[in-house]
Every structure is written in structure tokens, then in C-alpha cells.
C-alpha atoms as a PDB file:
ATOM      1  CA  MET A   1       0.010   0.005   0.018  1.00  0.00           C
ATOM      2  CA  THR A   2       1.511   3.305  -1.028  1.00  0.00           C
ATOM      3  CA  SER A   3       1.586   6.280   1.227  1.00  0.00           C
ATOM      4  CA  SER A   4      -0.452   8.317  -1.287  1.00  0.00           C
ATOM      5  CA  MET A   5      -3.365   5.962  -0.742  1.00  0.00           C
ATOM      6  CA  THR A   6      -3.475   7.001   2.925  1.00  0.00           C
ATOM      7  CA  TYR A   7      -4.776  10.401   1.875  1.00  0.00           C
ATOM      8  CA  GLU A   8      -7.304   8.933  -0.529  1.00  0.00           C
ATOM      9  CA  ALA A   9     -10.758  10.458  -0.052  1.00  0.00           C
ATOM     10  CA  PRO A  10     -13.478   7.866   0.687  1.00  0.00           C
ATOM     11  CA  LEU A  11     -15.729   9.246  -2.071  1.00  0.00           C
ATOM     12  CA  ALA A  12     -14.752  11.256  -5.119  1.00  0.00           C
ATOM     13  CA  GLU A  13     -18.025  12.967  -5.916  1.00  0.00           C
ATOM     14  CA  ARG A  14     -20.676  12.908  -3.201  1.00  0.00           C
ATOM     15  CA  ARG A  15     -24.252  12.896  -4.450  1.00  0.00           C
ATOM     16  CA  ALA A  16     -27.366  13.479  -2.373  1.00  0.00           C
ATOM     17  CA  LEU A  17     -29.310  10.794  -4.228  1.00  0.00           C
ATOM     18  CA  ALA A  18     -28.295   8.081  -6.627  1.00  0.00           C
ATOM     19  CA  LEU A  19     -29.424   4.719  -7.954  1.00  0.00           C
ATOM     20  CA  GLU A  20     -26.337   2.837  -9.016  1.00  0.00           C
ATOM     21  CA  PRO A  21     -26.158  -0.481  -7.136  1.00  0.00           C
ATOM     22  CA  THR A  22     -23.240  -2.721  -7.954  1.00  0.00           C
ATOM     23  CA  ARG A  23     -22.077  -6.167  -6.898  1.00  0.00           C
ATOM     24  CA  ARG A  24     -20.514  -4.519  -3.835  1.00  0.00           C
ATOM     25  CA  THR A  25     -24.002  -3.121  -2.925  1.00  0.00           C
ATOM     26  CA  TRP A  26     -25.597  -6.570  -3.042  1.00  0.00           C
ATOM     27  CA  LEU A  27     -22.773  -8.065  -1.007  1.00  0.00           C
ATOM     28  CA  ALA A  28     -23.257  -5.358   1.617  1.00  0.00           C
ATOM     29  CA  ILE A  29     -27.024  -6.016   1.694  1.00  0.00           C
ATOM     30  CA  GLY A  30     -26.395  -9.742   1.956  1.00  0.00           C
ATOM     31  CA  SER A  31     -23.990  -9.258   4.843  1.00  0.00           C
ATOM     32  CA  VAL A  32     -26.823  -7.872   7.026  1.00  0.00           C
ATOM     33  CA  PRO A  33     -28.771 -11.185   7.318  1.00  0.00           C
ATOM     34  CA  ALA A  34     -25.430 -12.899   7.726  1.00  0.00           C
ATOM     35  CA  MET A  35     -24.682 -10.681  10.714  1.00  0.00           C
ATOM     36  CA  TRP A  36     -28.159 -11.258  12.017  1.00  0.00           C
ATOM     37  CA  LEU A  37     -27.572 -15.007  11.865  1.00  0.00           C
ATOM     38  CA  CYS A  38     -24.395 -14.613  13.936  1.00  0.00           C
ATOM     39  CA  TYR A  39     -26.169 -12.475  16.533  1.00  0.00           C
ATOM     40  CA  TRP A  40     -29.258 -14.687  16.693  1.00  0.00           C
ATOM     41  CA  GLY A  41     -27.225 -17.875  16.640  1.00  0.00           C
ATOM     42  CA  GLU A  42     -25.022 -16.689  19.498  1.00  0.00           C
ATOM     43  CA  SER A  43     -28.031 -15.989  21.685  1.00  0.00           C
ATOM     44  CA  ALA A  44     -29.782 -19.230  20.625  1.00  0.00           C
ATOM     45  CA  VAL A  45     -26.921 -21.600  21.435  1.00  0.00           C
ATOM     46  CA  ARG A  46     -25.429 -19.788  24.413  1.00  0.00           C
ATOM     47  CA  GLU A  47     -27.405 -21.802  26.996  1.00  0.00           C
ATOM     48  CA  TRP A  48     -26.090 -25.180  25.867  1.00  0.00           C
ATOM     49  CA  SER A  49     -22.694 -24.298  24.393  1.00  0.00           C
ATOM     50  CA  VAL A  50     -20.917 -21.078  25.397  1.00  0.00           C
ATOM     51  CA  SER A  51     -17.888 -22.052  23.350  1.00  0.00           C
ATOM     52  CA  LEU A  52     -19.900 -22.538  20.157  1.00  0.00           C
ATOM     53  CA  SER A  53     -21.743 -19.245  20.723  1.00  0.00           C
ATOM     54  CA  LEU A  54     -18.420 -17.419  21.054  1.00  0.00           C
ATOM     55  CA  VAL A  55     -17.034 -19.046  17.901  1.00  0.00           C
ATOM     56  CA  LEU A  56     -20.161 -18.097  15.998  1.00  0.00           C
ATOM     57  CA  PHE A  57     -20.207 -14.494  17.191  1.00  0.00           C
ATOM     58  CA  LEU A  58     -16.508 -13.657  17.424  1.00  0.00           C
ATOM     59  CA  GLY A  59     -15.272 -15.751  14.515  1.00  0.00           C
ATOM     60  CA  GLY A  60     -18.268 -15.594  12.229  1.00  0.00           C
ATOM     61  CA  GLY A  61     -19.665 -12.130  12.965  1.00  0.00           C
ATOM     62  CA  CYS A  62     -16.793  -9.970  14.202  1.00  0.00           C
ATOM     63  CA  LEU A  63     -14.079 -11.396  11.950  1.00  0.00           C
ATOM     64  CA  LEU A  64     -15.555 -13.072   8.864  1.00  0.00           C
ATOM     65  CA  VAL A  65     -18.635 -10.920   8.162  1.00  0.00           C
ATOM     66  CA  ALA A  66     -17.535  -7.562   9.619  1.00  0.00           C
ATOM     67  CA  THR A  67     -13.855  -7.670   8.759  1.00  0.00           C
ATOM     68  CA  VAL A  68     -12.709 -10.247   6.172  1.00  0.00           C
ATOM     69  CA  LEU A  69     -15.630  -9.730   3.756  1.00  0.00           C
ATOM     70  CA  PRO A  70     -15.210  -5.918   3.521  1.00  0.00           C
ATOM     71  CA  LEU A  71     -11.426  -6.241   3.232  1.00  0.00           C
ATOM     72  CA  MET A  72     -11.645  -8.890   0.511  1.00  0.00           C
ATOM     73  CA  VAL A  73     -14.090  -6.818  -1.521  1.00  0.00           C
ATOM     74  CA  ASN A  74     -11.845  -3.796  -1.132  1.00  0.00           C
ATOM     75  CA  ARG A  75      -8.858  -5.893  -2.220  1.00  0.00           C
ATOM     76  CA  ALA A  76     -10.680  -7.235  -5.265  1.00  0.00           C
ATOM     77  CA  GLU A  77     -11.461  -3.660  -6.293  1.00  0.00           C
ATOM     78  CA  GLY A  78      -7.841  -2.621  -5.790  1.00  0.00           C
ATOM     79  CA  ARG A  79      -8.817   0.113  -3.335  1.00  0.00           C
ATOM     80  CA  GLY A  80      -6.980   1.454  -0.279  1.00  0.00           C
ATOM     81  CA  LEU A  81      -8.303   1.267   3.227  1.00  0.00           C
ATOM     82  CA  SER A  82      -9.934   4.642   2.719  1.00  0.00           C
ATOM     83  CA  GLY A  83     -12.624   2.708   0.883  1.00  0.00           C
ATOM     84  CA  LEU A  84     -13.593   1.547   4.383  1.00  0.00           C
ATOM     85  CA  GLY A  85     -13.260   4.967   5.999  1.00  0.00           C
ATOM     86  CA  ILE A  86      -9.722   4.389   7.319  1.00  0.00           C
ATOM     87  CA  THR A  87      -8.189   7.567   5.984  1.00  0.00           C
ATOM     88  CA  ARG A  88      -6.702  10.975   6.901  1.00  0.00           C
ATOM     89  CA  TYR A  89      -9.394  12.625   4.837  1.00  0.00           C
ATOM     90  CA  ARG A  90     -11.056  15.355   7.001  1.00  0.00           C
ATOM     91  CA  TRP A  91      -9.343  13.884  10.029  1.00  0.00           C
ATOM     92  CA  ARG A  92      -9.544  17.181  11.996  1.00  0.00           C
ATOM     93  CA  TRP A  93     -13.319  17.245  11.721  1.00  0.00           C
ATOM     94  CA  ALA A  94     -13.474  13.562  12.576  1.00  0.00           C
ATOM     95  CA  LEU A  95     -11.336  14.105  15.692  1.00  0.00           C
ATOM     96  CA  LEU A  96     -13.526  17.025  16.701  1.00  0.00           C
ATOM     97  CA  ILE A  97     -16.650  14.837  16.490  1.00  0.00           C
ATOM     98  CA  ALA A  98     -14.907  12.189  18.574  1.00  0.00           C
ATOM     99  CA  LEU A  99     -13.892  14.673  21.225  1.00  0.00           C
ATOM    100  CA  VAL A 100     -17.390  16.214  21.404  1.00  0.00           C
ATOM    101  CA  SER A 101     -18.813  12.719  21.913  1.00  0.00           C
ATOM    102  CA  MET A 102     -16.994  12.582  25.224  1.00  0.00           C
ATOM    103  CA  GLY A 103     -19.673  14.936  26.541  1.00  0.00           C
ATOM    104  CA  SER A 104     -21.846  11.808  26.859  1.00  0.00           C
ATOM    105  CA  LEU A 105     -19.397  10.116  29.224  1.00  0.00           C
ATOM    106  CA  PRO A 106     -21.202  11.340  32.387  1.00  0.00           C
ATOM    107  CA  ALA A 107     -24.399   9.700  31.070  1.00  0.00           C
ATOM    108  CA  LEU A 108     -22.533   6.378  30.735  1.00  0.00           C
ATOM    109  CA  LEU A 109     -21.160   6.677  34.272  1.00  0.00           C
ATOM    110  CA  ASP A 110     -24.642   7.431  35.636  1.00  0.00           C
ATOM    111  CA  ARG A 111     -26.138   4.442  33.881  1.00  0.00           C
ATOM    112  CA  ALA A 112     -23.306   2.213  35.086  1.00  0.00           C
ATOM    113  CA  ALA A 113     -23.833   3.275  38.676  1.00  0.00           C
ATOM    114  CA  GLY A 114     -27.586   2.708  38.415  1.00  0.00           C
ATOM    115  CA  ALA A 115     -27.116  -0.742  36.910  1.00  0.00           C
ATOM    116  CA  ASN A 116     -24.261  -1.711  39.234  1.00  0.00           C
ATOM    117  CA  VAL A 117     -21.904  -2.127  36.281  1.00  0.00           C
ATOM    118  CA  ASP A 118     -18.136  -1.653  36.532  1.00  0.00           C
ATOM    119  CA  PRO A 119     -17.706   1.425  34.300  1.00  0.00           C
ATOM    120  CA  THR A 120     -13.973   0.851  33.733  1.00  0.00           C
ATOM    121  CA  MET A 121     -14.308  -2.699  32.427  1.00  0.00           C
ATOM    122  CA  HIS A 122     -17.457  -1.811  30.478  1.00  0.00           C
ATOM    123  CA  LEU A 123     -15.826   1.102  28.739  1.00  0.00           C
ATOM    124  CA  LEU A 124     -12.595  -0.794  28.118  1.00  0.00           C
ATOM    125  CA  TYR A 125     -14.498  -3.534  26.351  1.00  0.00           C
ATOM    126  CA  ASN A 126     -16.375  -1.097  24.150  1.00  0.00           C
ATOM    127  CA  LEU A 127     -13.087   0.631  23.282  1.00  0.00           C
ATOM    128  CA  THR A 128     -11.956  -2.667  21.712  1.00  0.00           C
ATOM    129  CA  VAL A 129     -14.979  -2.881  19.440  1.00  0.00           C
ATOM    130  CA  LEU A 130     -13.606  -1.792  16.101  1.00  0.00           C
ATOM    131  CA  TRP A 131     -15.430  -4.498  14.128  1.00  0.00           C
ATOM    132  CA  GLU A 132     -18.941  -2.991  14.451  1.00  0.00           C
ATOM    133  CA  PRO A 133     -18.254   0.599  13.387  1.00  0.00           C
ATOM    134  CA  LEU A 134     -16.073  -0.806  10.597  1.00  0.00           C
ATOM    135  CA  PHE A 135     -18.982  -2.987   9.493  1.00  0.00           C
ATOM    136  CA  LEU A 136     -21.697  -0.368   9.928  1.00  0.00           C
ATOM    137  CA  PHE A 137     -20.012   2.772   8.654  1.00  0.00           C
ATOM    138  CA  GLY A 138     -16.871   1.782   6.783  1.00  0.00           C
ATOM    139  CA  TRP A 139     -18.597  -1.048   4.938  1.00  0.00           C
ATOM    140  CA  LEU A 140     -22.382  -0.562   4.871  1.00  0.00           C
ATOM    141  CA  GLN A 141     -22.709   3.216   4.886  1.00  0.00           C
ATOM    142  CA  LEU A 142     -19.909   3.993   2.457  1.00  0.00           C
ATOM    143  CA  THR A 143     -21.224   1.270   0.115  1.00  0.00           C
ATOM    144  CA  PHE A 144     -24.790   2.553   0.374  1.00  0.00           C
ATOM    145  CA  GLU A 145     -23.676   6.139  -0.201  1.00  0.00           C
ATOM    146  CA  ARG A 146     -21.955   5.136  -3.424  1.00  0.00           C
ATOM    147  CA  ALA A 147     -25.059   3.298  -4.596  1.00  0.00           C
ATOM    148  CA  PHE A 148     -27.882   5.473  -3.230  1.00  0.00           C
ATOM    149  CA  GLY A 149     -26.393   8.836  -2.164  1.00  0.00           C
ATOM    150  CA  TYR A 150     -25.517  10.408   1.158  1.00  0.00           C
ATOM    151  CA  LEU A 151     -29.121  11.138   2.142  1.00  0.00           C
ATOM    152  CA  CYS A 152     -30.227   7.530   1.987  1.00  0.00           C
ATOM    153  CA  ALA A 153     -27.056   5.906   3.272  1.00  0.00           C
ATOM    154  CA  PRO A 154     -27.412   6.746   7.017  1.00  0.00           C
ATOM    155  CA  VAL A 155     -31.060   5.667   6.959  1.00  0.00           C
ATOM    156  CA  LEU A 156     -30.273   2.330   5.320  1.00  0.00           C
ATOM    157  CA  THR A 157     -27.397   1.782   7.719  1.00  0.00           C
ATOM    158  CA  ALA A 158     -29.642   2.523  10.728  1.00  0.00           C
ATOM    159  CA  VAL A 159     -32.239   0.068   9.458  1.00  0.00           C
ATOM    160  CA  ALA A 160     -29.553  -2.561   9.059  1.00  0.00           C
ATOM    161  CA  PHE A 161     -28.240  -1.864  12.574  1.00  0.00           C
ATOM    162  CA  GLY A 162     -31.663  -2.458  14.099  1.00  0.00           C
ATOM    163  CA  ALA A 163     -32.479  -5.396  11.820  1.00  0.00           C
ATOM    164  CA  TYR A 164     -29.548  -7.587  12.713  1.00  0.00           C
ATOM    165  CA  HIS A 165     -30.344  -7.267  16.419  1.00  0.00           C
ATOM    166  CA  LEU A 166     -33.910  -8.572  15.956  1.00  0.00           C
ATOM    167  CA  GLY A 167     -34.376 -11.851  17.756  1.00  0.00           C
ATOM    168  CA  SER A 168     -31.270 -11.466  19.907  1.00  0.00           C
ATOM    169  CA  ALA A 169     -32.613  -8.286  21.511  1.00  0.00           C
ATOM    170  CA  PRO A 170     -36.194  -7.138  22.308  1.00  0.00           C
ATOM    171  CA  LEU A 171     -37.968  -5.179  19.580  1.00  0.00           C
ATOM    172  CA  GLY A 172     -37.822  -1.946  21.552  1.00  0.00           C
ATOM    173  CA  THR A 173     -34.095  -2.330  22.090  1.00  0.00           C
ATOM    174  CA  ALA A 174     -33.530  -3.054  18.398  1.00  0.00           C
ATOM    175  CA  LEU A 175     -35.515   0.064  17.480  1.00  0.00           C
ATOM    176  CA  GLY A 176     -33.425   2.043  19.935  1.00  0.00           C
ATOM    177  CA  PHE A 177     -30.253   0.770  18.258  1.00  0.00           C
ATOM    178  CA  ALA A 178     -31.670   1.854  14.866  1.00  0.00           C
ATOM    179  CA  ALA A 179     -32.389   5.350  16.195  1.00  0.00           C
ATOM    180  CA  ALA A 180     -28.882   5.628  17.660  1.00  0.00           C
ATOM    181  CA  GLY A 181     -27.452   4.314  14.401  1.00  0.00           C
ATOM    182  CA  LEU A 182     -29.220   7.043  12.442  1.00  0.00           C
ATOM    183  CA  VAL A 183     -27.668   9.767  14.645  1.00  0.00           C
ATOM    184  CA  LEU A 184     -24.209   8.195  14.427  1.00  0.00           C
ATOM    185  CA  GLY A 185     -24.565   7.674  10.689  1.00  0.00           C
ATOM    186  CA  ALA A 186     -25.423  11.341  10.195  1.00  0.00           C
ATOM    187  CA  LEU A 187     -22.296  12.285  12.138  1.00  0.00           C
ATOM    188  CA  PHE A 188     -20.162   9.857  10.172  1.00  0.00           C
ATOM    189  CA  ALA A 189     -21.462  11.352   6.923  1.00  0.00           C
ATOM    190  CA  VAL A 190     -19.860  14.680   7.812  1.00  0.00           C
ATOM    191  CA  THR A 191     -16.377  13.206   7.252  1.00  0.00           C
ATOM    192  CA  ASN A 192     -16.670   9.585   6.018  1.00  0.00           C
ATOM    193  CA  ASN A 193     -13.692   9.028   8.308  1.00  0.00           C
ATOM    194  CA  LEU A 194     -13.905   6.175  10.772  1.00  0.00           C
ATOM    195  CA  LEU A 195     -11.998   8.206  13.365  1.00  0.00           C
ATOM    196  CA  SER A 196     -15.245  10.128  13.976  1.00  0.00           C
ATOM    197  CA  MET A 197     -16.760   6.871  15.272  1.00  0.00           C
ATOM    198  CA  TRP A 198     -13.898   4.790  16.675  1.00  0.00           C
ATOM    199  CA  PRO A 199     -12.648   4.535  19.320  1.00  0.00           C
ATOM    200  CA  LEU A 200     -14.243   7.313  21.391  1.00  0.00           C
ATOM    201  CA  THR A 201     -17.703   7.896  19.913  1.00  0.00           C
ATOM    202  CA  TRP A 202     -18.539   4.253  19.501  1.00  0.00           C
ATOM    203  CA  ALA A 203     -17.166   3.203  22.904  1.00  0.00           C
ATOM    204  CA  ILE A 204     -19.358   5.738  24.753  1.00  0.00           C
ATOM    205  CA  SER A 205     -22.548   5.349  22.664  1.00  0.00           C
ATOM    206  CA  SER A 206     -22.281   1.570  22.586  1.00  0.00           C
ATOM    207  CA  GLY A 207     -21.479   1.567  26.302  1.00  0.00           C
ATOM    208  CA  ILE A 208     -24.692   3.458  27.028  1.00  0.00           C
ATOM    209  CA  GLY A 209     -26.727   1.328  24.649  1.00  0.00           C
ATOM    210  CA  SER A 210     -25.459  -1.967  26.008  1.00  0.00           C
ATOM    211  CA  ILE A 211     -26.232  -0.952  29.617  1.00  0.00           C
ATOM    212  CA  ASP A 212     -29.721   0.058  28.577  1.00  0.00           C
ATOM    213  CA  ALA A 213     -30.084  -3.356  26.963  1.00  0.00           C
ATOM    214  CA  GLY A 214     -29.130  -5.026  30.247  1.00  0.00           C
ATOM    215  CA  LEU A 215     -25.587  -6.042  29.250  1.00  0.00           C
ATOM    216  CA  SER A 216     -22.397  -5.680  31.244  1.00  0.00           C
ATOM    217  CA  PHE A 217     -18.823  -6.592  30.413  1.00  0.00           C
ATOM    218  CA  GLY A 218     -16.105  -7.720  32.758  1.00  0.00           C
ATOM    219  CA  ARG A 219     -12.435  -8.716  32.596  1.00  0.00           C
ATOM    220  CA  ASP A 220     -13.009 -11.794  30.428  1.00  0.00           C
ATOM    221  CA  SER A 221     -14.930  -9.718  27.868  1.00  0.00           C
ATOM    222  CA  VAL A 222     -12.127  -7.149  27.774  1.00  0.00           C
ATOM    223  CA  VAL A 223      -9.520  -9.887  27.130  1.00  0.00           C
ATOM    224  CA  ALA A 224     -11.691 -11.382  24.347  1.00  0.00           C
ATOM    225  CA  GLY A 225     -12.239  -7.900  22.920  1.00  0.00           C
ATOM    226  CA  PHE A 226      -8.522  -7.168  22.729  1.00  0.00           C
ATOM    227  CA  ILE A 227      -7.860 -10.534  21.077  1.00  0.00           C
ATOM    228  CA  VAL A 228     -10.473  -9.795  18.372  1.00  0.00           C
ATOM    229  CA  LEU A 229      -9.078  -6.269  17.934  1.00  0.00           C
ATOM    230  CA  THR A 230      -5.545  -7.644  17.542  1.00  0.00           C
ATOM    231  CA  VAL A 231      -6.674 -10.137  14.914  1.00  0.00           C
ATOM    232  CA  GLN A 232      -8.504  -7.344  13.105  1.00  0.00           C
ATOM    233  CA  VAL A 233      -5.402  -5.167  13.023  1.00  0.00           C
ATOM    234  CA  VAL A 234      -3.436  -8.069  11.569  1.00  0.00           C
ATOM    235  CA  LEU A 235      -6.109  -8.627   8.932  1.00  0.00           C
ATOM    236  CA  LEU A 236      -6.064  -4.938   8.043  1.00  0.00           C
ATOM    237  CA  ALA A 237      -2.310  -5.153   7.536  1.00  0.00           C
ATOM    238  CA  VAL A 238      -2.373  -8.425   5.582  1.00  0.00           C
ATOM    239  CA  ILE A 239      -5.419  -8.144   3.312  1.00  0.00           C
ATOM    240  CA  ARG A 240      -4.244  -5.254   1.196  1.00  0.00           C
ATOM    241  CA  PRO A 241      -5.284  -4.191  -2.292  1.00  0.00           C
ATOM    242  CA  ARG A 242      -3.492  -6.108  -5.041  1.00  0.00           C
ATOM    243  CA  PRO A 243      -0.562  -4.249  -6.610  1.00  0.00           C
ATOM    244  CA  CYS A 244      -1.801  -1.818  -9.203  1.00  0.00           C
ATOM    245  CA  GLY A 245      -1.684  -3.320 -12.665  1.00  0.00           C
ATOM    246  CA  ALA A 246      -1.668  -6.907 -11.375  1.00  0.00           C
ATOM    247  CA  THR A 247      -5.073  -7.570 -12.964  1.00  0.00           C
ATOM    248  CA  GLY A 248      -4.768  -5.186 -15.887  1.00  0.00           C
ATOM    249  CA  THR A 249      -6.510  -2.356 -14.063  1.00  0.00           C
ATOM    250  CA  SER A 250      -5.135   1.127 -13.706  1.00  0.00           C
ATOM    251  CA  ARG A 251      -3.965   2.545 -10.439  1.00  0.00           C
ATOM    252  CA  PRO A 252      -6.840   4.070  -8.417  1.00  0.00           C
ATOM    253  CA  ARG A 253      -6.762   7.777  -8.377  1.00  0.00           C
ATOM    254  CA  ALA A 254      -6.229   9.682  -5.128  1.00  0.00           C
ATOM    255  CA  ALA A 255      -9.971  10.449  -4.842  1.00  0.00           C
ATOM    256  CA  SER A 256     -11.537   7.153  -5.760  1.00  0.00           C
ATOM    257  CA  GLY A 257     -14.748   5.843  -4.279  1.00  0.00           C
ATOM    258  CA  PRO A 258     -15.275   2.919  -1.902  1.00  0.00           C
END
């Protein structure tokens, strides 16, 4: 990966509305029920096999669906990681959004105290969750924006966020996730830079949402989260775009789309 690709803008020409679905669009749409299956399957088998539920969720959902699939599609298209929102494009605005999100930290601490949840372990775990904002915003939203425009993309992403929690979470909770996803998607659309979501914004918003859903995370969850994050970082380093010209295609320009 060349250094010039680091500065690659996630989208060359942003359009409010579009109707240009591609194979990437259909793969993104298909990944939503796949993620639902991982979520639902994890909750369905947890009672009789914790190990199998973890393999299904961590291996199938976090790594295969949320990480390997987007990276392989990006690689097949010969695009840099900016195609998944990992870029320096508008990084100052992205950092500002992340810092402003820290204003919600007192709300997380209040909820943790009310639910008798260890706020340190809970926040640490959510800080390790790169896979979900990568899947939601770097993969789904950027793909939807290219196909349908930036007005539709956050809405579709929010619907997907709520949809893949159906069955593993109560309907009201899934709807709450969709509403939160719409707000976060609108913020992400300002920059199309994943820094605006991860690690700070997602850790705090997901921390609040998971407490409201009755979840808490301890030391074991933090260890598992760091293992998944480490594997993700390795995958990001290994699954790179093919060398330009290897398949007869021209080198992507500095402002190519996702």
C-alpha cells in the first residue's frame, strides 16, 4: 500500500441521491442477514454451548462478516483502506466529532452506577470494538452512499443496525439501536472518516446502549475484545489491495470511491 493511498478520499463525488447499485452493494445487503444469523445464533446456542456461541459470534460475525468480507471486496477492487473509512481525509473534523462525543461520558457513568456495572471494564470492552463501526459505517454506509447517495445511506445503515439485532434483543431495544445508528450515521457522513466513530464515539454510545439493553462486560470480555481487535489489526495489515496493474486495471486515483 503506497503512502499516497493513505490520503485517498473515501468518495470522489458525493451525491445526495443516486441509484447505481453494484455487486458490492448486493454483497453489503447480503452481509446484514449474515450478521443477524451470527447475533441470533449466538443468543440461541449460548445456553447449551458457550464455546460454540463465542465461535459463532466472534469468529463468524466480528471477523468473517464484519472484517474479512469488507477487506476482501476492497482488495478485489484494488482500493486502499480509505474505501472503508480508514483515511486521513477530513481527520480534524473527525477528531472534533470524537472529542465532542466525550460529553456523553457522564451519562454512561450514571447508567453504570444505576445498573451496578463496573464502568472501567465496561468502557474498556467497548473501546476494543472496532469491528462493528467498521462494518456499519466503513462497509455498509460507504457502500450505500456510493449506490444510493448520502441522504439515503445513514437511513439504510440505521435500518440494518436495528435489523440484525432482531431476535437477539427485544424489539424496543432493536428500534433504539436503529435510532442511535441514524444519529451516528449522520455524524459519520460529515467526514466519512472512521475516526469520527472509533474509538471514542462508539465506545461511549455503545457503552450506554449496552447498559440500557441489560448487558455488562467484565475482565474476560475485555480480554476477548482485545484478542479480536488484535486479529482485526493483523487482517487490516495483511489483506491489502493487489498491486496496481496486477489484474490489468489502472492505479486508483487519489480520490476514488469505496
